[in-house]
mmCIF file of all heavy atoms, coordinates in Angstrom:
data_MODEL
# 
_entry.id   MODEL 
# 
loop_
_atom_site.group_PDB 
_atom_site.id 
_atom_site.type_symbol 
_atom_site.label_atom_id 
_atom_site.label_alt_id 
_atom_site.label_comp_id 
_atom_site.label_asym_id 
_atom_site.label_entity_id 
_atom_site.label_seq_id 
_atom_site.pdbx_PDB_ins_code 
_atom_site.Cartn_x 
_atom_site.Cartn_y 
_atom_site.Cartn_z 
_atom_site.occupancy 
_atom_site.B_iso_or_equiv 
_atom_site.pdbx_formal_charge 
_atom_site.auth_seq_id 
_atom_site.auth_comp_id 
_atom_site.auth_asym_id 
_atom_site.auth_atom_id 
_atom_site.pdbx_PDB_model_num 
ATOM 1   N N   . LEU A 1 1  ? -4.194  12.418  -5.043  1.00 0.00 ? 1  LEU A N   1 
ATOM 2   C CA  . LEU A 1 1  ? -5.177  11.797  -4.167  1.00 0.00 ? 1  LEU A CA  1 
ATOM 3   C C   . LEU A 1 1  ? -5.047  10.281  -4.204  1.00 0.00 ? 1  LEU A C   1 
ATOM 4   O O   . LEU A 1 1  ? -5.100  9.615   -3.162  1.00 0.00 ? 1  LEU A O   1 
ATOM 5   C CB  . LEU A 1 1  ? -6.593  12.204  -4.587  1.00 0.00 ? 1  LEU A CB  1 
ATOM 6   C CG  . LEU A 1 1  ? -7.746  11.613  -3.769  1.00 0.00 ? 1  LEU A CG  1 
ATOM 7   C CD1 . LEU A 1 1  ? -7.607  11.971  -2.289  1.00 0.00 ? 1  LEU A CD1 1 
ATOM 8   C CD2 . LEU A 1 1  ? -9.086  12.091  -4.311  1.00 0.00 ? 1  LEU A CD2 1 
ATOM 9   N N   . ILE A 1 2  ? -4.854  9.717   -5.392  1.00 0.00 ? 2  ILE A N   1 
ATOM 10  C CA  . ILE A 1 2  ? -4.652  8.274   -5.517  1.00 0.00 ? 2  ILE A CA  1 
ATOM 11  C C   . ILE A 1 2  ? -3.419  7.845   -4.727  1.00 0.00 ? 2  ILE A C   1 
ATOM 12  O O   . ILE A 1 2  ? -3.425  6.833   -4.009  1.00 0.00 ? 2  ILE A O   1 
ATOM 13  C CB  . ILE A 1 2  ? -4.521  7.870   -6.997  1.00 0.00 ? 2  ILE A CB  1 
ATOM 14  C CG1 . ILE A 1 2  ? -5.858  8.036   -7.716  1.00 0.00 ? 2  ILE A CG1 1 
ATOM 15  C CG2 . ILE A 1 2  ? -4.036  6.427   -7.133  1.00 0.00 ? 2  ILE A CG2 1 
ATOM 16  C CD1 . ILE A 1 2  ? -5.777  7.841   -9.228  1.00 0.00 ? 2  ILE A CD1 1 
ATOM 17  N N   . THR A 1 3  ? -2.339  8.617   -4.831  1.00 0.00 ? 3  THR A N   1 
ATOM 18  C CA  . THR A 1 3  ? -1.115  8.318   -4.084  1.00 0.00 ? 3  THR A CA  1 
ATOM 19  C C   . THR A 1 3  ? -1.377  8.321   -2.580  1.00 0.00 ? 3  THR A C   1 
ATOM 20  O O   . THR A 1 3  ? -0.917  7.430   -1.850  1.00 0.00 ? 3  THR A O   1 
ATOM 21  C CB  . THR A 1 3  ? -0.020  9.344   -4.430  1.00 0.00 ? 3  THR A CB  1 
ATOM 22  O OG1 . THR A 1 3  ? 0.256   9.291   -5.834  1.00 0.00 ? 3  THR A OG1 1 
ATOM 23  C CG2 . THR A 1 3  ? 1.253   9.065   -3.662  1.00 0.00 ? 3  THR A CG2 1 
ATOM 24  N N   . ALA A 1 4  ? -2.132  9.316   -2.116  1.00 0.00 ? 4  ALA A N   1 
ATOM 25  C CA  . ALA A 1 4  ? -2.452  9.400   -0.688  1.00 0.00 ? 4  ALA A CA  1 
ATOM 26  C C   . ALA A 1 4  ? -3.345  8.246   -0.256  1.00 0.00 ? 4  ALA A C   1 
ATOM 27  O O   . ALA A 1 4  ? -3.191  7.710   0.850   1.00 0.00 ? 4  ALA A O   1 
ATOM 28  C CB  . ALA A 1 4  ? -3.126  10.735  -0.386  1.00 0.00 ? 4  ALA A CB  1 
ATOM 29  N N   . ARG A 1 5  ? -4.279  7.846   -1.101  1.00 0.00 ? 5  ARG A N   1 
ATOM 30  C CA  . ARG A 1 5  ? -5.169  6.750   -0.752  1.00 0.00 ? 5  ARG A CA  1 
ATOM 31  C C   . ARG A 1 5  ? -4.412  5.419   -0.643  1.00 0.00 ? 5  ARG A C   1 
ATOM 32  O O   . ARG A 1 5  ? -4.772  4.553   0.158   1.00 0.00 ? 5  ARG A O   1 
ATOM 33  C CB  . ARG A 1 5  ? -6.301  6.624   -1.784  1.00 0.00 ? 5  ARG A CB  1 
ATOM 34  C CG  . ARG A 1 5  ? -7.297  7.769   -1.787  1.00 0.00 ? 5  ARG A CG  1 
ATOM 35  C CD  . ARG A 1 5  ? -7.993  7.951   -0.446  1.00 0.00 ? 5  ARG A CD  1 
ATOM 36  N NE  . ARG A 1 5  ? -8.637  6.760   0.028   1.00 0.00 ? 5  ARG A NE  1 
ATOM 37  C CZ  . ARG A 1 5  ? -9.829  6.313   -0.388  1.00 0.00 ? 5  ARG A CZ  1 
ATOM 38  N NH1 . ARG A 1 5  ? -10.497 6.980   -1.316  1.00 0.00 ? 5  ARG A NH1 1 
ATOM 39  N NH2 . ARG A 1 5  ? -10.354 5.221   0.121   1.00 0.00 ? 5  ARG A NH2 1 
ATOM 40  N N   . LYS A 1 6  ? -3.399  5.236   -1.455  1.00 0.00 ? 6  LYS A N   1 
ATOM 41  C CA  . LYS A 1 6  ? -2.573  4.027   -1.357  1.00 0.00 ? 6  LYS A CA  1 
ATOM 42  C C   . LYS A 1 6  ? -1.892  3.975   0.013   1.00 0.00 ? 6  LYS A C   1 
ATOM 43  O O   . LYS A 1 6  ? -1.828  2.912   0.649   1.00 0.00 ? 6  LYS A O   1 
ATOM 44  C CB  . LYS A 1 6  ? -1.541  4.000   -2.477  1.00 0.00 ? 6  LYS A CB  1 
ATOM 45  C CG  . LYS A 1 6  ? -2.126  3.819   -3.868  1.00 0.00 ? 6  LYS A CG  1 
ATOM 46  C CD  . LYS A 1 6  ? -1.064  4.011   -4.934  1.00 0.00 ? 6  LYS A CD  1 
ATOM 47  C CE  . LYS A 1 6  ? -1.653  3.932   -6.331  1.00 0.00 ? 6  LYS A CE  1 
ATOM 48  N NZ  . LYS A 1 6  ? -0.651  4.225   -7.383  1.00 0.00 ? 6  LYS A NZ  1 
ATOM 49  N N   . LYS A 1 7  ? -1.368  5.113   0.444   1.00 0.00 ? 7  LYS A N   1 
ATOM 50  C CA  . LYS A 1 7  ? -0.752  5.187   1.773   1.00 0.00 ? 7  LYS A CA  1 
ATOM 51  C C   . LYS A 1 7  ? -1.784  4.877   2.848   1.00 0.00 ? 7  LYS A C   1 
ATOM 52  O O   . LYS A 1 7  ? -1.495  4.178   3.829   1.00 0.00 ? 7  LYS A O   1 
ATOM 53  C CB  . LYS A 1 7  ? -0.148  6.575   1.982   1.00 0.00 ? 7  LYS A CB  1 
ATOM 54  C CG  . LYS A 1 7  ? 0.401   6.833   3.376   1.00 0.00 ? 7  LYS A CG  1 
ATOM 55  C CD  . LYS A 1 7  ? 1.020   8.220   3.438   1.00 0.00 ? 7  LYS A CD  1 
ATOM 56  C CE  . LYS A 1 7  ? 1.480   8.568   4.855   1.00 0.00 ? 7  LYS A CE  1 
ATOM 57  N NZ  . LYS A 1 7  ? 0.368   8.894   5.755   1.00 0.00 ? 7  LYS A NZ  1 
ATOM 58  N N   . GLU A 1 8  ? -2.981  5.384   2.675   1.00 0.00 ? 8  GLU A N   1 
ATOM 59  C CA  . GLU A 1 8  ? -4.062  5.137   3.631   1.00 0.00 ? 8  GLU A CA  1 
ATOM 60  C C   . GLU A 1 8  ? -4.387  3.647   3.701   1.00 0.00 ? 8  GLU A C   1 
ATOM 61  O O   . GLU A 1 8  ? -4.585  3.082   4.784   1.00 0.00 ? 8  GLU A O   1 
ATOM 62  C CB  . GLU A 1 8  ? -5.293  5.928   3.198   1.00 0.00 ? 8  GLU A CB  1 
ATOM 63  C CG  . GLU A 1 8  ? -6.436  5.927   4.188   1.00 0.00 ? 8  GLU A CG  1 
ATOM 64  C CD  . GLU A 1 8  ? -7.600  6.768   3.698   1.00 0.00 ? 8  GLU A CD  1 
ATOM 65  O OE1 . GLU A 1 8  ? -7.478  7.432   2.655   1.00 0.00 ? 8  GLU A OE1 1 
ATOM 66  O OE2 . GLU A 1 8  ? -8.642  6.756   4.369   1.00 0.00 ? 8  GLU A OE2 1 
ATOM 67  N N   . ALA A 1 9  ? -4.414  2.992   2.528   1.00 0.00 ? 9  ALA A N   1 
ATOM 68  C CA  . ALA A 1 9  ? -4.706  1.558   2.479   1.00 0.00 ? 9  ALA A CA  1 
ATOM 69  C C   . ALA A 1 9  ? -3.621  0.751   3.186   1.00 0.00 ? 9  ALA A C   1 
ATOM 70  O O   . ALA A 1 9  ? -3.918  -0.188  3.933   1.00 0.00 ? 9  ALA A O   1 
ATOM 71  C CB  . ALA A 1 9  ? -4.844  1.107   1.020   1.00 0.00 ? 9  ALA A CB  1 
ATOM 72  N N   . VAL A 1 10 ? -2.366  1.113   2.955   1.00 0.00 ? 10 VAL A N   1 
ATOM 73  C CA  . VAL A 1 10 ? -1.264  0.405   3.607   1.00 0.00 ? 10 VAL A CA  1 
ATOM 74  C C   . VAL A 1 10 ? -1.344  0.580   5.117   1.00 0.00 ? 10 VAL A C   1 
ATOM 75  O O   . VAL A 1 10 ? -1.090  -0.368  5.881   1.00 0.00 ? 10 VAL A O   1 
ATOM 76  C CB  . VAL A 1 10 ? 0.096   0.888   3.058   1.00 0.00 ? 10 VAL A CB  1 
ATOM 77  C CG1 . VAL A 1 10 ? 1.251   0.321   3.891   1.00 0.00 ? 10 VAL A CG1 1 
ATOM 78  C CG2 . VAL A 1 10 ? 0.253   0.483   1.599   1.00 0.00 ? 10 VAL A CG2 1 
ATOM 79  N N   . HIS A 1 11 ? -1.714  1.773   5.571   1.00 0.00 ? 11 HIS A N   1 
ATOM 80  C CA  . HIS A 1 11 ? -1.894  1.989   7.013   1.00 0.00 ? 11 HIS A CA  1 
ATOM 81  C C   . HIS A 1 11 ? -2.926  1.019   7.583   1.00 0.00 ? 11 HIS A C   1 
ATOM 82  O O   . HIS A 1 11 ? -2.724  0.416   8.638   1.00 0.00 ? 11 HIS A O   1 
ATOM 83  C CB  . HIS A 1 11 ? -2.336  3.423   7.284   1.00 0.00 ? 11 HIS A CB  1 
ATOM 84  C CG  . HIS A 1 11 ? -2.792  3.634   8.696   1.00 0.00 ? 11 HIS A CG  1 
ATOM 85  N ND1 . HIS A 1 11 ? -4.110  3.533   9.079   1.00 0.00 ? 11 HIS A ND1 1 
ATOM 86  C CD2 . HIS A 1 11 ? -2.094  3.909   9.836   1.00 0.00 ? 11 HIS A CD2 1 
ATOM 87  C CE1 . HIS A 1 11 ? -4.209  3.739   10.380  1.00 0.00 ? 11 HIS A CE1 1 
ATOM 88  N NE2 . HIS A 1 11 ? -3.003  3.981   10.856  1.00 0.00 ? 11 HIS A NE2 1 
ATOM 89  N N   . ASP A 1 12 ? -4.049  0.856   6.874   1.00 0.00 ? 12 ASP A N   1 
ATOM 90  C CA  . ASP A 1 12 ? -5.095  -0.049  7.357   1.00 0.00 ? 12 ASP A CA  1 
ATOM 91  C C   . ASP A 1 12 ? -4.592  -1.485  7.424   1.00 0.00 ? 12 ASP A C   1 
ATOM 92  O O   . ASP A 1 12 ? -4.927  -2.238  8.342   1.00 0.00 ? 12 ASP A O   1 
ATOM 93  C CB  . ASP A 1 12 ? -6.319  0.031   6.444   1.00 0.00 ? 12 ASP A CB  1 
ATOM 94  C CG  . ASP A 1 12 ? -7.010  1.380   6.512   1.00 0.00 ? 12 ASP A CG  1 
ATOM 95  O OD1 . ASP A 1 12 ? -6.806  2.102   7.508   1.00 0.00 ? 12 ASP A OD1 1 
ATOM 96  O OD2 . ASP A 1 12 ? -7.746  1.725   5.560   1.00 0.00 ? 12 ASP A OD2 1 
ATOM 97  N N   . ILE A 1 13 ? -3.778  -1.882  6.453   1.00 0.00 ? 13 ILE A N   1 
ATOM 98  C CA  . ILE A 1 13 ? -3.243  -3.253  6.420   1.00 0.00 ? 13 ILE A CA  1 
ATOM 99  C C   . ILE A 1 13 ? -2.223  -3.457  7.528   1.00 0.00 ? 13 ILE A C   1 
ATOM 100 O O   . ILE A 1 13 ? -2.230  -4.494  8.213   1.00 0.00 ? 13 ILE A O   1 
ATOM 101 C CB  . ILE A 1 13 ? -2.630  -3.541  5.035   1.00 0.00 ? 13 ILE A CB  1 
ATOM 102 C CG1 . ILE A 1 13 ? -3.722  -3.492  3.956   1.00 0.00 ? 13 ILE A CG1 1 
ATOM 103 C CG2 . ILE A 1 13 ? -1.927  -4.899  5.021   1.00 0.00 ? 13 ILE A CG2 1 
ATOM 104 C CD1 . ILE A 1 13 ? -3.196  -3.535  2.542   1.00 0.00 ? 13 ILE A CD1 1 
ATOM 105 N N   . LEU A 1 14 ? -1.355  -2.478  7.728   1.00 0.00 ? 14 LEU A N   1 
ATOM 106 C CA  . LEU A 1 14 ? -0.387  -2.561  8.830   1.00 0.00 ? 14 LEU A CA  1 
ATOM 107 C C   . LEU A 1 14 ? -1.108  -2.676  10.170  1.00 0.00 ? 14 LEU A C   1 
ATOM 108 O O   . LEU A 1 14 ? -0.670  -3.425  11.056  1.00 0.00 ? 14 LEU A O   1 
ATOM 109 C CB  . LEU A 1 14 ? 0.515   -1.329  8.841   1.00 0.00 ? 14 LEU A CB  1 
ATOM 110 C CG  . LEU A 1 14 ? 1.483   -1.144  7.667   1.00 0.00 ? 14 LEU A CG  1 
ATOM 111 C CD1 . LEU A 1 14 ? 2.172   0.211   7.772   1.00 0.00 ? 14 LEU A CD1 1 
ATOM 112 C CD2 . LEU A 1 14 ? 2.508   -2.268  7.619   1.00 0.00 ? 14 LEU A CD2 1 
ATOM 113 N N   . SER A 1 15 ? -2.213  -1.959  10.312  1.00 0.00 ? 15 SER A N   1 
ATOM 114 C CA  . SER A 1 15 ? -2.969  -1.966  11.565  1.00 0.00 ? 15 SER A CA  1 
ATOM 115 C C   . SER A 1 15 ? -3.581  -3.332  11.849  1.00 0.00 ? 15 SER A C   1 
ATOM 116 O O   . SER A 1 15 ? -3.900  -3.644  13.010  1.00 0.00 ? 15 SER A O   1 
ATOM 117 C CB  . SER A 1 15 ? -4.076  -0.909  11.509  1.00 0.00 ? 15 SER A CB  1 
ATOM 118 O OG  . SER A 1 15 ? -3.536  0.386   11.393  1.00 0.00 ? 15 SER A OG  1 
ATOM 119 N N   . LEU A 1 16 ? -3.746  -4.135  10.813  1.00 0.00 ? 16 LEU A N   1 
ATOM 120 C CA  . LEU A 1 16 ? -4.275  -5.490  10.985  1.00 0.00 ? 16 LEU A CA  1 
ATOM 121 C C   . LEU A 1 16 ? -3.164  -6.513  11.213  1.00 0.00 ? 16 LEU A C   1 
ATOM 122 O O   . LEU A 1 16 ? -3.430  -7.711  11.273  1.00 0.00 ? 16 LEU A O   1 
ATOM 123 C CB  . LEU A 1 16 ? -5.113  -5.881  9.766   1.00 0.00 ? 16 LEU A CB  1 
ATOM 124 C CG  . LEU A 1 16 ? -6.444  -5.121  9.618   1.00 0.00 ? 16 LEU A CG  1 
ATOM 125 C CD1 . LEU A 1 16 ? -7.106  -5.455  8.279   1.00 0.00 ? 16 LEU A CD1 1 
ATOM 126 C CD2 . LEU A 1 16 ? -7.377  -5.451  10.768  1.00 0.00 ? 16 LEU A CD2 1 
ATOM 127 N N   . GLY A 1 17 ? -1.929  -6.026  11.319  1.00 0.00 ? 17 GLY A N   1 
ATOM 128 C CA  . GLY A 1 17 ? -0.824  -6.911  11.688  1.00 0.00 ? 17 GLY A CA  1 
ATOM 129 C C   . GLY A 1 17 ? -0.086  -7.565  10.540  1.00 0.00 ? 17 GLY A C   1 
ATOM 130 O O   . GLY A 1 17 ? 0.687   -8.500  10.755  1.00 0.00 ? 17 GLY A O   1 
ATOM 131 N N   . PHE A 1 18 ? -0.260  -7.052  9.311   1.00 0.00 ? 18 PHE A N   1 
ATOM 132 C CA  . PHE A 1 18 ? 0.411   -7.628  8.154   1.00 0.00 ? 18 PHE A CA  1 
ATOM 133 C C   . PHE A 1 18 ? 1.561   -6.739  7.691   1.00 0.00 ? 18 PHE A C   1 
ATOM 134 O O   . PHE A 1 18 ? 1.429   -5.509  7.639   1.00 0.00 ? 18 PHE A O   1 
ATOM 135 C CB  . PHE A 1 18 ? -0.575  -7.804  6.993   1.00 0.00 ? 18 PHE A CB  1 
ATOM 136 C CG  . PHE A 1 18 ? -1.571  -8.901  7.189   1.00 0.00 ? 18 PHE A CG  1 
ATOM 137 C CD1 . PHE A 1 18 ? -2.749  -8.666  7.882   1.00 0.00 ? 18 PHE A CD1 1 
ATOM 138 C CD2 . PHE A 1 18 ? -1.335  -10.174 6.692   1.00 0.00 ? 18 PHE A CD2 1 
ATOM 139 C CE1 . PHE A 1 18 ? -3.684  -9.674  8.084   1.00 0.00 ? 18 PHE A CE1 1 
ATOM 140 C CE2 . PHE A 1 18 ? -2.259  -11.192 6.880   1.00 0.00 ? 18 PHE A CE2 1 
ATOM 141 C CZ  . PHE A 1 18 ? -3.430  -10.949 7.577   1.00 0.00 ? 18 PHE A CZ  1 
ATOM 142 N N   . ASP A 1 19 ? 2.687   -7.380  7.352   1.00 0.00 ? 19 ASP A N   1 
ATOM 143 C CA  . ASP A 1 19 ? 3.771   -6.677  6.681   1.00 0.00 ? 19 ASP A CA  1 
ATOM 144 C C   . ASP A 1 19 ? 3.378   -6.509  5.217   1.00 0.00 ? 19 ASP A C   1 
ATOM 145 O O   . ASP A 1 19 ? 2.697   -7.373  4.645   1.00 0.00 ? 19 ASP A O   1 
ATOM 146 C CB  . ASP A 1 19 ? 5.076   -7.468  6.771   1.00 0.00 ? 19 ASP A CB  1 
ATOM 147 C CG  . ASP A 1 19 ? 5.509   -7.720  8.203   1.00 0.00 ? 19 ASP A CG  1 
ATOM 148 O OD1 . ASP A 1 19 ? 5.104   -6.944  9.099   1.00 0.00 ? 19 ASP A OD1 1 
ATOM 149 O OD2 . ASP A 1 19 ? 6.243   -8.704  8.427   1.00 0.00 ? 19 ASP A OD2 1 
ATOM 150 N N   . VAL A 1 20 ? 3.827   -5.430  4.590   1.00 0.00 ? 20 VAL A N   1 
ATOM 151 C CA  . VAL A 1 20 ? 3.362   -5.094  3.248   1.00 0.00 ? 20 VAL A CA  1 
ATOM 152 C C   . VAL A 1 20 ? 4.527   -4.894  2.285   1.00 0.00 ? 20 VAL A C   1 
ATOM 153 O O   . VAL A 1 20 ? 5.447   -4.109  2.558   1.00 0.00 ? 20 VAL A O   1 
ATOM 154 C CB  . VAL A 1 20 ? 2.501   -3.820  3.254   1.00 0.00 ? 20 VAL A CB  1 
ATOM 155 C CG1 . VAL A 1 20 ? 2.053   -3.460  1.832   1.00 0.00 ? 20 VAL A CG1 1 
ATOM 156 C CG2 . VAL A 1 20 ? 1.288   -3.993  4.161   1.00 0.00 ? 20 VAL A CG2 1 
ATOM 157 N N   . LEU A 1 21 ? 4.481   -5.603  1.163   1.00 0.00 ? 21 LEU A N   1 
ATOM 158 C CA  . LEU A 1 21 ? 5.306   -5.270  0.010   1.00 0.00 ? 21 LEU A CA  1 
ATOM 159 C C   . LEU A 1 21 ? 4.378   -4.547  -0.953  1.00 0.00 ? 21 LEU A C   1 
ATOM 160 O O   . LEU A 1 21 ? 3.501   -5.163  -1.556  1.00 0.00 ? 21 LEU A O   1 
ATOM 161 C CB  . LEU A 1 21 ? 5.886   -6.523  -0.647  1.00 0.00 ? 21 LEU A CB  1 
ATOM 162 C CG  . LEU A 1 21 ? 6.627   -6.303  -1.984  1.00 0.00 ? 21 LEU A CG  1 
ATOM 163 C CD1 . LEU A 1 21 ? 7.788   -5.342  -1.810  1.00 0.00 ? 21 LEU A CD1 1 
ATOM 164 C CD2 . LEU A 1 21 ? 7.102   -7.622  -2.571  1.00 0.00 ? 21 LEU A CD2 1 
ATOM 165 N N   . PHE A 1 22 ? 4.530   -3.236  -1.042  1.00 0.00 ? 22 PHE A N   1 
ATOM 166 C CA  . PHE A 1 22 ? 3.635   -2.452  -1.897  1.00 0.00 ? 22 PHE A CA  1 
ATOM 167 C C   . PHE A 1 22 ? 4.316   -2.122  -3.209  1.00 0.00 ? 22 PHE A C   1 
ATOM 168 O O   . PHE A 1 22 ? 5.487   -1.733  -3.244  1.00 0.00 ? 22 PHE A O   1 
ATOM 169 C CB  . PHE A 1 22 ? 3.209   -1.151  -1.224  1.00 0.00 ? 22 PHE A CB  1 
ATOM 170 C CG  . PHE A 1 22 ? 2.281   -0.350  -2.102  1.00 0.00 ? 22 PHE A CG  1 
ATOM 171 C CD1 . PHE A 1 22 ? 0.918   -0.618  -2.099  1.00 0.00 ? 22 PHE A CD1 1 
ATOM 172 C CD2 . PHE A 1 22 ? 2.771   0.617   -2.965  1.00 0.00 ? 22 PHE A CD2 1 
ATOM 173 C CE1 . PHE A 1 22 ? 0.060   0.070   -2.936  1.00 0.00 ? 22 PHE A CE1 1 
ATOM 174 C CE2 . PHE A 1 22 ? 1.923   1.314   -3.800  1.00 0.00 ? 22 PHE A CE2 1 
ATOM 175 C CZ  . PHE A 1 22 ? 0.557   1.043   -3.789  1.00 0.00 ? 22 PHE A CZ  1 
ATOM 176 N N   . SER A 1 23 ? 3.553   -2.246  -4.295  1.00 0.00 ? 23 SER A N   1 
ATOM 177 C CA  . SER A 1 23 ? 4.071   -1.900  -5.609  1.00 0.00 ? 23 SER A CA  1 
ATOM 178 C C   . SER A 1 23 ? 3.006   -1.184  -6.418  1.00 0.00 ? 23 SER A C   1 
ATOM 179 O O   . SER A 1 23 ? 1.844   -1.602  -6.449  1.00 0.00 ? 23 SER A O   1 
ATOM 180 C CB  . SER A 1 23 ? 4.506   -3.169  -6.362  1.00 0.00 ? 23 SER A CB  1 
ATOM 181 O OG  . SER A 1 23 ? 4.891   -2.863  -7.689  1.00 0.00 ? 23 SER A OG  1 
ATOM 182 N N   . ASP A 1 24 ? 3.377   -0.101  -7.072  1.00 0.00 ? 24 ASP A N   1 
ATOM 183 C CA  . ASP A 1 24 ? 2.482   0.506   -8.044  1.00 0.00 ? 24 ASP A CA  1 
ATOM 184 C C   . ASP A 1 24 ? 2.295   -0.456  -9.209  1.00 0.00 ? 24 ASP A C   1 
ATOM 185 O O   . ASP A 1 24 ? 3.155   -1.316  -9.470  1.00 0.00 ? 24 ASP A O   1 
ATOM 186 C CB  . ASP A 1 24 ? 3.056   1.832   -8.552  1.00 0.00 ? 24 ASP A CB  1 
ATOM 187 C CG  . ASP A 1 24 ? 2.744   3.006   -7.640  1.00 0.00 ? 24 ASP A CG  1 
ATOM 188 O OD1 . ASP A 1 24 ? 1.844   2.862   -6.784  1.00 0.00 ? 24 ASP A OD1 1 
ATOM 189 O OD2 . ASP A 1 24 ? 3.391   4.048   -7.776  1.00 0.00 ? 24 ASP A OD2 1 
ATOM 190 N N   . THR A 1 25 ? 1.221   -0.277  -9.946  1.00 0.00 ? 25 THR A N   1 
ATOM 191 C CA  . THR A 1 25 ? 0.936   -1.199  -11.047 1.00 0.00 ? 25 THR A CA  1 
ATOM 192 C C   . THR A 1 25 ? 1.865   -1.011  -12.234 1.00 0.00 ? 25 THR A C   1 
ATOM 193 O O   . THR A 1 25 ? 1.952   -1.901  -13.093 1.00 0.00 ? 25 THR A O   1 
ATOM 194 C CB  . THR A 1 25 ? -0.517  -1.021  -11.530 1.00 0.00 ? 25 THR A CB  1 
ATOM 195 O OG1 . THR A 1 25 ? -0.750  0.365   -11.825 1.00 0.00 ? 25 THR A OG1 1 
ATOM 196 C CG2 . THR A 1 25 ? -1.507  -1.480  -10.475 1.00 0.00 ? 25 THR A CG2 1 
ATOM 197 N N   . ASP A 1 26 ? 2.574   0.105   -12.300 1.00 0.00 ? 26 ASP A N   1 
ATOM 198 C CA  . ASP A 1 26 ? 3.482   0.311   -13.439 1.00 0.00 ? 26 ASP A CA  1 
ATOM 199 C C   . ASP A 1 26 ? 4.891   -0.193  -13.170 1.00 0.00 ? 26 ASP A C   1 
ATOM 200 O O   . ASP A 1 26 ? 5.809   0.057   -13.958 1.00 0.00 ? 26 ASP A O   1 
ATOM 201 C CB  . ASP A 1 26 ? 3.513   1.793   -13.836 1.00 0.00 ? 26 ASP A CB  1 
ATOM 202 C CG  . ASP A 1 26 ? 4.003   2.701   -12.715 1.00 0.00 ? 26 ASP A CG  1 
ATOM 203 O OD1 . ASP A 1 26 ? 4.225   2.206   -11.592 1.00 0.00 ? 26 ASP A OD1 1 
ATOM 204 O OD2 . ASP A 1 26 ? 4.139   3.916   -12.955 1.00 0.00 ? 26 ASP A OD2 1 
ATOM 205 N N   . VAL A 1 27 ? 5.062   -0.930  -12.082 1.00 0.00 ? 27 VAL A N   1 
ATOM 206 C CA  . VAL A 1 27 ? 6.354   -1.539  -11.770 1.00 0.00 ? 27 VAL A CA  1 
ATOM 207 C C   . VAL A 1 27 ? 6.426   -2.925  -12.413 1.00 0.00 ? 27 VAL A C   1 
ATOM 208 O O   . VAL A 1 27 ? 5.501   -3.727  -12.279 1.00 0.00 ? 27 VAL A O   1 
ATOM 209 C CB  . VAL A 1 27 ? 6.561   -1.657  -10.248 1.00 0.00 ? 27 VAL A CB  1 
ATOM 210 C CG1 . VAL A 1 27 ? 7.811   -2.472  -9.940  1.00 0.00 ? 27 VAL A CG1 1 
ATOM 211 C CG2 . VAL A 1 27 ? 6.663   -0.269  -9.622  1.00 0.00 ? 27 VAL A CG2 1 
ATOM 212 N N   . ALA A 1 28 ? 7.512   -3.206  -13.092 1.00 0.00 ? 28 ALA A N   1 
ATOM 213 C CA  . ALA A 1 28 ? 7.719   -4.514  -13.727 1.00 0.00 ? 28 ALA A CA  1 
ATOM 214 C C   . ALA A 1 28 ? 8.714   -5.320  -12.887 1.00 0.00 ? 28 ALA A C   1 
ATOM 215 O O   . ALA A 1 28 ? 9.905   -5.005  -12.858 1.00 0.00 ? 28 ALA A O   1 
ATOM 216 C CB  . ALA A 1 28 ? 8.233   -4.338  -15.149 1.00 0.00 ? 28 ALA A CB  1 
ATOM 217 N N   . MET A 1 29 ? 8.226   -6.321  -12.195 1.00 0.00 ? 29 MET A N   1 
ATOM 218 C CA  . MET A 1 29 ? 9.084   -7.155  -11.343 1.00 0.00 ? 29 MET A CA  1 
ATOM 219 C C   . MET A 1 29 ? 9.710   -8.263  -12.202 1.00 0.00 ? 29 MET A C   1 
ATOM 220 O O   . MET A 1 29 ? 9.194   -9.376  -12.288 1.00 0.00 ? 29 MET A O   1 
ATOM 221 C CB  . MET A 1 29 ? 8.274   -7.747  -10.191 1.00 0.00 ? 29 MET A CB  1 
ATOM 222 C CG  . MET A 1 29 ? 7.722   -6.732  -9.224  1.00 0.00 ? 29 MET A CG  1 
ATOM 223 S SD  . MET A 1 29 ? 6.964   -7.461  -7.746  1.00 0.00 ? 29 MET A SD  1 
ATOM 224 C CE  . MET A 1 29 ? 5.585   -8.364  -8.490  1.00 0.00 ? 29 MET A CE  1 
# 
């Protein structure tokens, strides 16, 4: 469900016209 909600959030951000670099919190950049 958390994974699906992240996708849902990105959809909302894309709909507002923003490009998204999405990262889970366990990713070490």
